[in-house]
Amino acid sequence: MSDLINRATIFSFITVREEGELLPYNTQKYLLAKSFQNKKYFENGDLLDTLEKRALYPMVHCSTKPLSEINDFVSLKSNDLGTEFILKQGVYVESKNYHAPRPINDPPFKDDMAYIFMGFKSVDLAYNENLEQSWKDWTGARLVNSCLRNEFYISRYSFLHRVQPPDPELFMYILLVECHNVSNSNVTYLLDFVQKLRVERVFGYLTVYRREALSSTSAVIKRILSEQDEYGGKVDI
C-alpha cells in the first residue's frame, strides 16, 4: 500500500455474525482467516491482522486498483463469505499524505511494520473539503507524530476518503499510519499509546494491524492456533 498515486484502495471489513453466545476472539480470527483463504477474490492484496484483542474488525483485507477501473467495480454481497460472516466493502482514494523525512545514512529498516488504523464515520455522505484541509489535527496525526517519532520510524501518513458505496455504516475517512521498527521489545509501547489515544479521543475506530501477505494466510491460521490464551494458557477456541 506504499504507492497510492492514481490508484484506489478497496477495503473489505468482515465480522463474525454473533448468534447467541459470544465466540472466543481467537475462534473469530481463525474463522476469518479461513474465509479469506477460501475465497479467490482475496488471493491478491494484503491481509491486516490486529495486534489487539477485541477489535471490531480482527482482520481487514485491502487491495488497490487503477482509478480508471473504479466505475466497473462491483462489491461482494454481505453474505458472500457465508451466512456466518458480515462483509462490507468500500472503495477509497488517498486525498492527502505525508512522507516523513529519513536520514540517508540510516540503515535499511527491517520488515517489521505495523499500521495504526483510524476509521471515521460521517452522517454527511458528501466529501468535506474542510475536513481534508485540517486532517492532521482532527485525526490525531500530529499527536501520533509527536509521541511516536522517537521510538518508531513513521514512513507515511495516508488520509483516504470513501468514493463508493454511499453507505453510512462504512467509514467515510480512513487514516493509515505506517510504522517501522516495531519489535517485541517496543510493541507494548505502541499498543499503550493507542489505548491512551482511544480514551482521549472518543470518536472513531482505532487499532493496530500488522500486514500479512495473502500467500501466508495458512501461516496466519497456524499462528492463531498456536497462540496461548493469556488467562488459561490454552488457545481459546
C-alpha atoms as a PDB file:
ATOM      1  CA  MET A   1       0.000   0.000   0.000  1.00  0.00           C
ATOM      2  CA  SER A   2       3.019   2.267  -0.279  1.00  0.00           C
ATOM      3  CA  ASP A   3       2.158   3.722  -3.706  1.00  0.00           C
ATOM      4  CA  LEU A   4      -1.405   5.028  -3.901  1.00  0.00           C
ATOM      5  CA  ILE A   5      -0.951   7.618  -6.651  1.00  0.00           C
ATOM      6  CA  ASN A   6      -3.715   7.266  -9.254  1.00  0.00           C
ATOM      7  CA  ARG A   7      -4.963   4.174  -7.508  1.00  0.00           C
ATOM      8  CA  ALA A   8      -7.942   3.361  -5.332  1.00  0.00           C
ATOM      9  CA  THR A   9      -7.886   1.100  -2.292  1.00  0.00           C
ATOM     10  CA  ILE A  10     -10.612  -1.446  -1.678  1.00  0.00           C
ATOM     11  CA  PHE A  11     -11.062  -2.286   1.994  1.00  0.00           C
ATOM     12  CA  SER A  12     -13.009  -5.395   2.958  1.00  0.00           C
ATOM     13  CA  PHE A  13     -14.296  -5.350   6.531  1.00  0.00           C
ATOM     14  CA  ILE A  14     -15.533  -8.677   7.849  1.00  0.00           C
ATOM     15  CA  THR A  15     -17.064  -9.606  11.170  1.00  0.00           C
ATOM     16  CA  VAL A  16     -18.372 -12.899  12.501  1.00  0.00           C
ATOM     17  CA  ARG A  17     -22.126 -12.841  12.873  1.00  0.00           C
ATOM     18  CA  GLU A  18     -22.960 -13.225  16.549  1.00  0.00           C
ATOM     19  CA  GLU A  19     -25.847 -15.530  17.362  1.00  0.00           C
ATOM     20  CA  GLY A  20     -26.241 -16.471  20.974  1.00  0.00           C
ATOM     21  CA  GLU A  21     -23.006 -16.987  22.907  1.00  0.00           C
ATOM     22  CA  LEU A  22     -20.084 -14.705  22.064  1.00  0.00           C
ATOM     23  CA  LEU A  23     -17.346 -16.632  20.274  1.00  0.00           C
ATOM     24  CA  PRO A  24     -13.837 -16.555  21.764  1.00  0.00           C
ATOM     25  CA  TYR A  25     -11.694 -13.999  19.969  1.00  0.00           C
ATOM     26  CA  ASN A  26      -9.153 -16.442  18.562  1.00  0.00           C
ATOM     27  CA  THR A  27     -12.016 -18.528  17.212  1.00  0.00           C
ATOM     28  CA  GLN A  28     -13.289 -15.470  15.372  1.00  0.00           C
ATOM     29  CA  LYS A  29      -9.837 -14.800  13.910  1.00  0.00           C
ATOM     30  CA  TYR A  30      -9.493 -18.430  12.851  1.00  0.00           C
ATOM     31  CA  LEU A  31     -12.839 -18.348  11.032  1.00  0.00           C
ATOM     32  CA  LEU A  32     -11.982 -15.043   9.372  1.00  0.00           C
ATOM     33  CA  ALA A  33      -8.573 -16.271   8.179  1.00  0.00           C
ATOM     34  CA  LYS A  34     -10.156 -19.400   6.712  1.00  0.00           C
ATOM     35  CA  SER A  35     -12.793 -17.339   4.921  1.00  0.00           C
ATOM     36  CA  PHE A  36     -10.125 -15.149   3.312  1.00  0.00           C
ATOM     37  CA  GLN A  37      -8.120 -18.195   2.300  1.00  0.00           C
ATOM     38  CA  ASN A  38     -11.071 -19.940   0.657  1.00  0.00           C
ATOM     39  CA  LYS A  39     -12.246 -17.014  -1.497  1.00  0.00           C
ATOM     40  CA  LYS A  40     -10.454 -16.482  -4.821  1.00  0.00           C
ATOM     41  CA  TYR A  41     -11.287 -12.768  -4.707  1.00  0.00           C
ATOM     42  CA  PHE A  42      -8.837 -12.303  -1.814  1.00  0.00           C
ATOM     43  CA  GLU A  43      -5.857 -14.020  -3.459  1.00  0.00           C
ATOM     44  CA  ASN A  44      -4.275 -10.632  -4.174  1.00  0.00           C
ATOM     45  CA  GLY A  45      -3.678  -7.799  -1.772  1.00  0.00           C
ATOM     46  CA  ASP A  46      -2.770  -7.547   1.890  1.00  0.00           C
ATOM     47  CA  LEU A  47      -4.318  -9.048   4.973  1.00  0.00           C
ATOM     48  CA  LEU A  48      -4.199  -6.794   8.032  1.00  0.00           C
ATOM     49  CA  ASP A  49      -4.201  -8.734  11.302  1.00  0.00           C
ATOM     50  CA  THR A  50      -4.856  -6.814  14.507  1.00  0.00           C
ATOM     51  CA  LEU A  51      -2.324  -6.782  17.333  1.00  0.00           C
ATOM     52  CA  GLU A  52      -5.063  -6.083  19.863  1.00  0.00           C
ATOM     53  CA  LYS A  53      -7.806  -8.203  21.343  1.00  0.00           C
ATOM     54  CA  ARG A  54     -11.469  -7.411  20.797  1.00  0.00           C
ATOM     55  CA  ALA A  55     -11.000  -5.086  17.831  1.00  0.00           C
ATOM     56  CA  LEU A  56     -14.231  -4.655  15.907  1.00  0.00           C
ATOM     57  CA  TYR A  57     -12.502  -5.924  12.768  1.00  0.00           C
ATOM     58  CA  PRO A  58      -9.878  -8.534  13.750  1.00  0.00           C
ATOM     59  CA  MET A  59      -8.792  -8.814  10.122  1.00  0.00           C
ATOM     60  CA  VAL A  60      -9.155  -6.450   7.187  1.00  0.00           C
ATOM     61  CA  HIS A  61      -8.310  -7.165   3.559  1.00  0.00           C
ATOM     62  CA  CYS A  62      -7.100  -4.386   1.293  1.00  0.00           C
ATOM     63  CA  SER A  63      -6.093  -4.235  -2.347  1.00  0.00           C
ATOM     64  CA  THR A  64      -5.542  -1.490  -4.899  1.00  0.00           C
ATOM     65  CA  LYS A  65      -6.582  -0.946  -8.494  1.00  0.00           C
ATOM     66  CA  PRO A  66      -6.262   1.907 -11.009  1.00  0.00           C
ATOM     67  CA  LEU A  67      -8.679   4.779 -10.555  1.00  0.00           C
ATOM     68  CA  SER A  68      -9.808   4.250 -14.148  1.00  0.00           C
ATOM     69  CA  GLU A  69     -11.319   0.891 -13.152  1.00  0.00           C
ATOM     70  CA  ILE A  70     -13.354   2.110 -10.198  1.00  0.00           C
ATOM     71  CA  ASN A  71     -16.538   2.672 -12.169  1.00  0.00           C
ATOM     72  CA  ASP A  72     -16.521  -1.015 -13.111  1.00  0.00           C
ATOM     73  CA  PHE A  73     -16.060  -2.223  -9.545  1.00  0.00           C
ATOM     74  CA  VAL A  74     -18.811  -4.471  -8.201  1.00  0.00           C
ATOM     75  CA  SER A  75     -18.649  -5.187  -4.481  1.00  0.00           C
ATOM     76  CA  LEU A  76     -19.279  -8.598  -2.999  1.00  0.00           C
ATOM     77  CA  LYS A  77     -22.543  -9.285  -1.224  1.00  0.00           C
ATOM     78  CA  SER A  78     -22.614  -9.133   2.557  1.00  0.00           C
ATOM     79  CA  ASN A  79     -23.022 -12.932   2.802  1.00  0.00           C
ATOM     80  CA  ASP A  80     -20.638 -13.981   0.003  1.00  0.00           C
ATOM     81  CA  LEU A  81     -18.254 -15.495   2.544  1.00  0.00           C
ATOM     82  CA  GLY A  82     -21.047 -17.453   4.188  1.00  0.00           C
ATOM     83  CA  THR A  83     -24.021 -16.741   6.372  1.00  0.00           C
ATOM     84  CA  GLU A  84     -21.795 -16.726   9.466  1.00  0.00           C
ATOM     85  CA  PHE A  85     -19.997 -13.592   8.245  1.00  0.00           C
ATOM     86  CA  ILE A  86     -20.954  -9.994   7.566  1.00  0.00           C
ATOM     87  CA  LEU A  87     -18.893  -8.429   4.764  1.00  0.00           C
ATOM     88  CA  LYS A  88     -18.749  -4.740   3.884  1.00  0.00           C
ATOM     89  CA  GLN A  89     -16.548  -3.277   1.155  1.00  0.00           C
ATOM     90  CA  GLY A  90     -15.624   0.309   0.461  1.00  0.00           C
ATOM     91  CA  VAL A  91     -13.586   1.995  -2.246  1.00  0.00           C
ATOM     92  CA  TYR A  92     -11.267   4.734  -1.010  1.00  0.00           C
ATOM     93  CA  VAL A  93      -8.874   7.190  -2.611  1.00  0.00           C
ATOM     94  CA  GLU A  94      -5.977   8.965  -0.963  1.00  0.00           C
ATOM     95  CA  SER A  95      -6.627  12.698  -0.796  1.00  0.00           C
ATOM     96  CA  LYS A  96      -3.707  13.676   1.435  1.00  0.00           C
ATOM     97  CA  ASN A  97      -0.457  12.087   2.534  1.00  0.00           C
ATOM     98  CA  TYR A  98       2.721  12.927   4.339  1.00  0.00           C
ATOM     99  CA  HIS A  99       6.082  11.218   3.942  1.00  0.00           C
ATOM    100  CA  ALA A 100       8.320  11.604   6.955  1.00  0.00           C
ATOM    101  CA  PRO A 101      11.927  12.525   6.100  1.00  0.00           C
ATOM    102  CA  ARG A 102      14.537   9.887   6.823  1.00  0.00           C
ATOM    103  CA  PRO A 103      18.297  10.425   7.124  1.00  0.00           C
ATOM    104  CA  ILE A 104      20.162   8.983   4.138  1.00  0.00           C
ATOM    105  CA  ASN A 105      22.743   7.268   6.333  1.00  0.00           C
ATOM    106  CA  ASP A 106      20.132   5.360   8.330  1.00  0.00           C
ATOM    107  CA  PRO A 107      20.400   1.575   7.849  1.00  0.00           C
ATOM    108  CA  PRO A 108      17.533  -0.051   5.929  1.00  0.00           C
ATOM    109  CA  PHE A 109      14.658  -0.916   8.211  1.00  0.00           C
ATOM    110  CA  LYS A 110      13.555  -4.499   8.500  1.00  0.00           C
ATOM    111  CA  ASP A 111      10.168  -5.808   7.511  1.00  0.00           C
ATOM    112  CA  ASP A 112       8.799  -5.144  10.991  1.00  0.00           C
ATOM    113  CA  MET A 113       5.954  -2.873  10.042  1.00  0.00           C
ATOM    114  CA  ALA A 114       2.622  -2.108  11.682  1.00  0.00           C
ATOM    115  CA  TYR A 115      -0.244   0.159  10.729  1.00  0.00           C
ATOM    116  CA  ILE A 116      -2.163   2.410  13.063  1.00  0.00           C
ATOM    117  CA  PHE A 117      -5.639   2.339  11.534  1.00  0.00           C
ATOM    118  CA  MET A 118      -8.214   5.033  12.243  1.00  0.00           C
ATOM    119  CA  GLY A 119     -11.680   4.902  10.717  1.00  0.00           C
ATOM    120  CA  PHE A 120     -14.220   7.710  10.941  1.00  0.00           C
ATOM    121  CA  LYS A 121     -17.895   7.547  10.017  1.00  0.00           C
ATOM    122  CA  SER A 122     -19.960  10.557   8.991  1.00  0.00           C
ATOM    123  CA  VAL A 123     -23.658  11.305   8.716  1.00  0.00           C
ATOM    124  CA  ASP A 124     -22.740  13.606   5.834  1.00  0.00           C
ATOM    125  CA  LEU A 125     -22.174  11.352   2.824  1.00  0.00           C
ATOM    126  CA  ALA A 126     -20.657  14.190   0.788  1.00  0.00           C
ATOM    127  CA  TYR A 127     -16.907  14.707   0.842  1.00  0.00           C
ATOM    128  CA  ASN A 128     -15.956  17.609   3.104  1.00  0.00           C
ATOM    129  CA  GLU A 129     -13.018  19.688   1.849  1.00  0.00           C
ATOM    130  CA  ASN A 130     -12.677  21.475   5.188  1.00  0.00           C
ATOM    131  CA  LEU A 131     -12.042  18.150   6.907  1.00  0.00           C
ATOM    132  CA  GLU A 132      -9.466  17.350   4.251  1.00  0.00           C
ATOM    133  CA  GLN A 133      -7.555  20.570   4.869  1.00  0.00           C
ATOM    134  CA  SER A 134      -7.442  20.043   8.644  1.00  0.00           C
ATOM    135  CA  TRP A 135      -6.929  16.261   8.616  1.00  0.00           C
ATOM    136  CA  LYS A 136      -3.653  16.332  10.570  1.00  0.00           C
ATOM    137  CA  ASP A 137      -5.385  17.958  13.529  1.00  0.00           C
ATOM    138  CA  TRP A 138      -8.755  16.242  13.934  1.00  0.00           C
ATOM    139  CA  THR A 139      -7.494  12.738  13.137  1.00  0.00           C
ATOM    140  CA  GLY A 140      -4.731  12.996  15.726  1.00  0.00           C
ATOM    141  CA  ALA A 141      -1.946  12.597  13.148  1.00  0.00           C
ATOM    142  CA  ARG A 142       0.091  15.422  14.697  1.00  0.00           C
ATOM    143  CA  LEU A 143      -0.220  13.842  18.129  1.00  0.00           C
ATOM    144  CA  VAL A 144       0.851  10.458  16.777  1.00  0.00           C
ATOM    145  CA  ASN A 145       3.908  12.012  15.183  1.00  0.00           C
ATOM    146  CA  SER A 146       4.973  13.915  18.283  1.00  0.00           C
ATOM    147  CA  CYS A 147       4.583  10.906  20.586  1.00  0.00           C
ATOM    148  CA  LEU A 148       5.942   8.070  18.434  1.00  0.00           C
ATOM    149  CA  ARG A 149       8.580   9.531  16.116  1.00  0.00           C
ATOM    150  CA  ASN A 150      11.428   8.932  18.580  1.00  0.00           C
ATOM    151  CA  GLU A 151      10.559   5.258  19.088  1.00  0.00           C
ATOM    152  CA  PHE A 152       9.487   4.250  15.568  1.00  0.00           C
ATOM    153  CA  TYR A 153      10.224   5.318  12.030  1.00  0.00           C
ATOM    154  CA  ILE A 154       6.866   6.536  10.690  1.00  0.00           C
ATOM    155  CA  SER A 155       7.302   6.453   6.934  1.00  0.00           C
ATOM    156  CA  ARG A 156       3.894   7.565   5.734  1.00  0.00           C
ATOM    157  CA  TYR A 157       0.571   9.045   6.765  1.00  0.00           C
ATOM    158  CA  SER A 158      -2.243   8.321   4.300  1.00  0.00           C
ATOM    159  CA  PHE A 159      -5.579  10.102   4.592  1.00  0.00           C
ATOM    160  CA  LEU A 160      -8.235   8.453   2.436  1.00  0.00           C
ATOM    161  CA  HIS A 161     -11.894   9.149   1.789  1.00  0.00           C
ATOM    162  CA  ARG A 162     -14.621   6.843   0.533  1.00  0.00           C
ATOM    163  CA  VAL A 163     -15.906   7.254  -3.012  1.00  0.00           C
ATOM    164  CA  GLN A 164     -18.329   4.314  -3.014  1.00  0.00           C
ATOM    165  CA  PRO A 165     -20.728   2.971  -1.922  1.00  0.00           C
ATOM    166  CA  PRO A 166     -22.876   5.664  -0.202  1.00  0.00           C
ATOM    167  CA  ASP A 167     -23.208   3.587   2.961  1.00  0.00           C
ATOM    168  CA  PRO A 168     -23.223   5.462   6.306  1.00  0.00           C
ATOM    169  CA  GLU A 169     -22.220   2.235   8.066  1.00  0.00           C
ATOM    170  CA  LEU A 170     -18.845   2.319   6.333  1.00  0.00           C
ATOM    171  CA  PHE A 171     -16.010   4.622   7.332  1.00  0.00           C
ATOM    172  CA  MET A 172     -16.112   7.872   5.384  1.00  0.00           C
ATOM    173  CA  TYR A 173     -12.478   8.683   6.183  1.00  0.00           C
ATOM    174  CA  ILE A 174      -9.502   6.459   6.988  1.00  0.00           C
ATOM    175  CA  LEU A 175      -6.073   7.382   8.299  1.00  0.00           C
ATOM    176  CA  LEU A 176      -3.266   4.844   7.923  1.00  0.00           C
ATOM    177  CA  VAL A 177      -0.028   5.459   9.790  1.00  0.00           C
ATOM    178  CA  GLU A 178       2.807   3.231   8.575  1.00  0.00           C
ATOM    179  CA  CYS A 179       5.209   2.449  11.432  1.00  0.00           C
ATOM    180  CA  HIS A 180       8.537   0.661  11.031  1.00  0.00           C
ATOM    181  CA  ASN A 181      10.953  -0.772  13.595  1.00  0.00           C
ATOM    182  CA  VAL A 182       8.113  -2.391  15.542  1.00  0.00           C
ATOM    183  CA  SER A 183       9.598  -5.230  17.564  1.00  0.00           C
ATOM    184  CA  ASN A 184       8.759  -7.426  20.520  1.00  0.00           C
ATOM    185  CA  SER A 185      10.626  -5.009  22.759  1.00  0.00           C
ATOM    186  CA  ASN A 186       8.625  -1.906  21.841  1.00  0.00           C
ATOM    187  CA  VAL A 187       5.255  -3.152  20.575  1.00  0.00           C
ATOM    188  CA  THR A 188       3.771  -2.724  24.064  1.00  0.00           C
ATOM    189  CA  TYR A 189       4.738   0.950  23.937  1.00  0.00           C
ATOM    190  CA  LEU A 190       2.834   1.290  20.665  1.00  0.00           C
ATOM    191  CA  LEU A 191      -0.245  -0.516  21.968  1.00  0.00           C
ATOM    192  CA  ASP A 192      -0.263   1.512  25.196  1.00  0.00           C
ATOM    193  CA  PHE A 193      -0.160   4.729  23.203  1.00  0.00           C
ATOM    194  CA  VAL A 194      -3.049   3.604  21.012  1.00  0.00           C
ATOM    195  CA  GLN A 195      -5.092   2.724  24.079  1.00  0.00           C
ATOM    196  CA  LYS A 196      -4.468   6.160  25.607  1.00  0.00           C
ATOM    197  CA  LEU A 197      -5.356   7.813  22.308  1.00  0.00           C
ATOM    198  CA  ARG A 198      -8.559   5.786  22.197  1.00  0.00           C
ATOM    199  CA  VAL A 199      -9.541   7.017  25.657  1.00  0.00           C
ATOM    200  CA  GLU A 200      -8.693  10.661  24.967  1.00  0.00           C
ATOM    201  CA  ARG A 201     -10.272  10.767  21.502  1.00  0.00           C
ATOM    202  CA  VAL A 202     -13.615   9.012  21.909  1.00  0.00           C
ATOM    203  CA  PHE A 203     -14.725   9.237  18.269  1.00  0.00           C
ATOM    204  CA  GLY A 204     -13.744   6.824  15.518  1.00  0.00           C
ATOM    205  CA  TYR A 205     -12.373   3.297  15.233  1.00  0.00           C
ATOM    206  CA  LEU A 206      -8.759   2.807  16.247  1.00  0.00           C
ATOM    207  CA  THR A 207      -6.498  -0.219  16.353  1.00  0.00           C
ATOM    208  CA  VAL A 208      -3.082  -1.517  15.219  1.00  0.00           C
ATOM    209  CA  TYR A 209      -2.624  -4.027  12.413  1.00  0.00           C
ATOM    210  CA  ARG A 210       0.331  -5.941  11.096  1.00  0.00           C
ATOM    211  CA  ARG A 211       0.445  -6.786   7.413  1.00  0.00           C
ATOM    212  CA  GLU A 212       0.354 -10.367   6.204  1.00  0.00           C
ATOM    213  CA  ALA A 213       0.873 -11.484   2.630  1.00  0.00           C
ATOM    214  CA  LEU A 214      -2.095 -13.465   1.351  1.00  0.00           C
ATOM    215  CA  SER A 215       0.239 -16.278   0.357  1.00  0.00           C
ATOM    216  CA  SER A 216       0.965 -16.734   4.063  1.00  0.00           C
ATOM    217  CA  THR A 217      -2.650 -16.861   5.206  1.00  0.00           C
ATOM    218  CA  SER A 218      -2.184 -20.508   6.146  1.00  0.00           C
ATOM    219  CA  ALA A 219       0.728 -19.433   8.328  1.00  0.00           C
ATOM    220  CA  VAL A 220      -1.541 -16.859   9.938  1.00  0.00           C
ATOM    221  CA  ILE A 221      -4.008 -19.617  10.793  1.00  0.00           C
ATOM    222  CA  LYS A 222      -1.262 -21.785  12.274  1.00  0.00           C
ATOM    223  CA  ARG A 223      -0.019 -18.884  14.367  1.00  0.00           C
ATOM    224  CA  ILE A 224      -3.503 -18.154  15.647  1.00  0.00           C
ATOM    225  CA  LEU A 225      -3.929 -21.771  16.668  1.00  0.00           C
ATOM    226  CA  SER A 226      -0.593 -21.764  18.447  1.00  0.00           C
ATOM    227  CA  GLU A 227      -1.273 -18.586  20.400  1.00  0.00           C
ATOM    228  CA  GLN A 228      -1.983 -19.203  24.034  1.00  0.00           C
ATOM    229  CA  ASP A 229      -4.834 -17.587  25.825  1.00  0.00           C
ATOM    230  CA  GLU A 230      -3.427 -15.118  28.333  1.00  0.00           C
ATOM    231  CA  TYR A 231      -5.715 -16.402  31.071  1.00  0.00           C
ATOM    232  CA  GLY A 232      -5.943 -20.140  30.660  1.00  0.00           C
ATOM    233  CA  GLY A 233      -2.694 -20.922  28.910  1.00  0.00           C
ATOM    234  CA  LYS A 234      -4.574 -22.542  26.020  1.00  0.00           C
ATOM    235  CA  VAL A 235      -5.913 -21.390  22.723  1.00  0.00           C
ATOM    236  CA  ASP A 236      -9.439 -20.153  23.318  1.00  0.00           C
ATOM    237  CA  ILE A 237     -11.266 -21.970  20.541  1.00  0.00           C
END
